[in-house]
Every structure is written in C-alpha cells, then in structure tokens.
C-alpha cells in the first residue's frame, strides 16, 4: 500500500508540475464546508486509514 500510494503521489506531482497556476490562493483563506457523506466519500477515495498521515504543502 505504501509503495502504491507513493507512486500515485509522484504521478500527481509530475502532472501538477507541468501546470501553470491560474490564480494564487493562500491555504489559510480556504474553507470548504461539506456534508458528512461528501467527507466520508473523500476519505474513502483517498484511502486514509486510522493511524495514517496526511501531509499538506503550501
């Protein structure tokens, strides 16, 4: 699982590195209020598990 996740993250970083930003938005200015079902679906899709780590970059 760790290797698969690392591979997926590396692929996403490669795709993002080729993109040009449209606008700069500071992370501390964002608030996305979502319902429990939406949040649960996002966690499920991200395959975040108890004890897992999530890293945010700015």
C-alpha atoms as a PDB file:
ATOM      1  CA  UNK A   1       0.000   0.000   0.000  1.00  0.00           C
ATOM      2  CA  UNK A   2       2.760   2.479   0.935  1.00  0.00           C
ATOM      3  CA  UNK A   3       4.564   1.933  -2.382  1.00  0.00           C
ATOM      4  CA  UNK A   4       1.345   2.247  -4.383  1.00  0.00           C
ATOM      5  CA  UNK A   5       0.449   5.487  -2.612  1.00  0.00           C
ATOM      6  CA  UNK A   6       3.956   6.874  -3.127  1.00  0.00           C
ATOM      7  CA  UNK A   7       3.718   6.046  -6.821  1.00  0.00           C
ATOM      8  CA  UNK A   8       0.318   7.746  -7.132  1.00  0.00           C
ATOM      9  CA  UNK A   9       1.581  10.851  -5.327  1.00  0.00           C
ATOM     10  CA  UNK A  10       4.656  11.025  -7.585  1.00  0.00           C
ATOM     11  CA  UNK A  11       2.410  10.774 -10.654  1.00  0.00           C
ATOM     12  CA  UNK A  12       0.172  13.585  -9.384  1.00  0.00           C
ATOM     13  CA  UNK A  13       3.196  15.773  -8.591  1.00  0.00           C
ATOM     14  CA  UNK A  14       4.540  15.236 -12.105  1.00  0.00           C
ATOM     15  CA  UNK A  15       1.220  16.255 -13.654  1.00  0.00           C
ATOM     16  CA  UNK A  16       0.925  19.293 -11.401  1.00  0.00           C
ATOM     17  CA  UNK A  17       4.498  20.423 -12.061  1.00  0.00           C
ATOM     18  CA  UNK A  18       3.627  20.913 -15.734  1.00  0.00           C
ATOM     19  CA  UNK A  19       0.611  23.104 -14.994  1.00  0.00           C
ATOM     20  CA  UNK A  20       0.596  26.873 -14.880  1.00  0.00           C
ATOM     21  CA  UNK A  21      -1.304  28.468 -11.988  1.00  0.00           C
ATOM     22  CA  UNK A  22      -4.419  30.444 -12.861  1.00  0.00           C
ATOM     23  CA  UNK A  23      -4.598  32.224  -9.512  1.00  0.00           C
ATOM     24  CA  UNK A  24      -2.769  32.138  -6.230  1.00  0.00           C
ATOM     25  CA  UNK A  25      -4.949  31.241  -3.256  1.00  0.00           C
ATOM     26  CA  UNK A  26      -3.476  31.045   0.228  1.00  0.00           C
ATOM     27  CA  UNK A  27      -4.410  27.876   2.081  1.00  0.00           C
ATOM     28  CA  UNK A  28      -5.464  29.729   5.218  1.00  0.00           C
ATOM     29  CA  UNK A  29      -8.171  31.592   3.269  1.00  0.00           C
ATOM     30  CA  UNK A  30      -9.955  28.448   2.137  1.00  0.00           C
ATOM     31  CA  UNK A  31     -12.852  26.850   3.956  1.00  0.00           C
ATOM     32  CA  UNK A  32     -14.880  24.155   2.296  1.00  0.00           C
ATOM     33  CA  UNK A  33     -17.865  23.138   4.385  1.00  0.00           C
ATOM     34  CA  UNK A  34     -19.180  19.781   3.220  1.00  0.00           C
ATOM     35  CA  UNK A  35     -21.743  17.293   4.451  1.00  0.00           C
ATOM     36  CA  UNK A  36     -20.707  14.101   6.247  1.00  0.00           C
ATOM     37  CA  UNK A  37     -21.460  11.875   3.223  1.00  0.00           C
ATOM     38  CA  UNK A  38     -19.235  14.024   0.992  1.00  0.00           C
ATOM     39  CA  UNK A  39     -16.404  13.973   3.553  1.00  0.00           C
ATOM     40  CA  UNK A  40     -16.697  10.226   4.064  1.00  0.00           C
ATOM     41  CA  UNK A  41     -16.557   9.715   0.285  1.00  0.00           C
ATOM     42  CA  UNK A  42     -13.404  11.857   0.018  1.00  0.00           C
ATOM     43  CA  UNK A  43     -11.719   9.939   2.842  1.00  0.00           C
ATOM     44  CA  UNK A  44     -12.705   6.665   1.196  1.00  0.00           C
ATOM     45  CA  UNK A  45     -11.358   7.755  -2.191  1.00  0.00           C
ATOM     46  CA  UNK A  46      -8.113   8.982  -0.595  1.00  0.00           C
ATOM     47  CA  UNK A  47      -7.790   5.649   1.227  1.00  0.00           C
ATOM     48  CA  UNK A  48      -6.994   7.436   4.502  1.00  0.00           C
ATOM     49  CA  UNK A  49      -6.923   4.948   7.353  1.00  0.00           C
ATOM     50  CA  UNK A  50      -6.654   5.246  11.140  1.00  0.00           C
ATOM     51  CA  UNK A  51      -3.053   5.986  12.036  1.00  0.00           C
ATOM     52  CA  UNK A  52      -2.294   7.202   8.514  1.00  0.00           C
ATOM     53  CA  UNK A  53      -0.609  10.521   7.850  1.00  0.00           C
ATOM     54  CA  UNK A  54      -1.780  13.361   5.626  1.00  0.00           C
ATOM     55  CA  UNK A  55       0.765  15.954   4.546  1.00  0.00           C
ATOM     56  CA  UNK A  56      -0.250  19.392   3.341  1.00  0.00           C
ATOM     57  CA  UNK A  57       2.061  21.536   1.282  1.00  0.00           C
ATOM     58  CA  UNK A  58       1.699  25.204   0.614  1.00  0.00           C
END
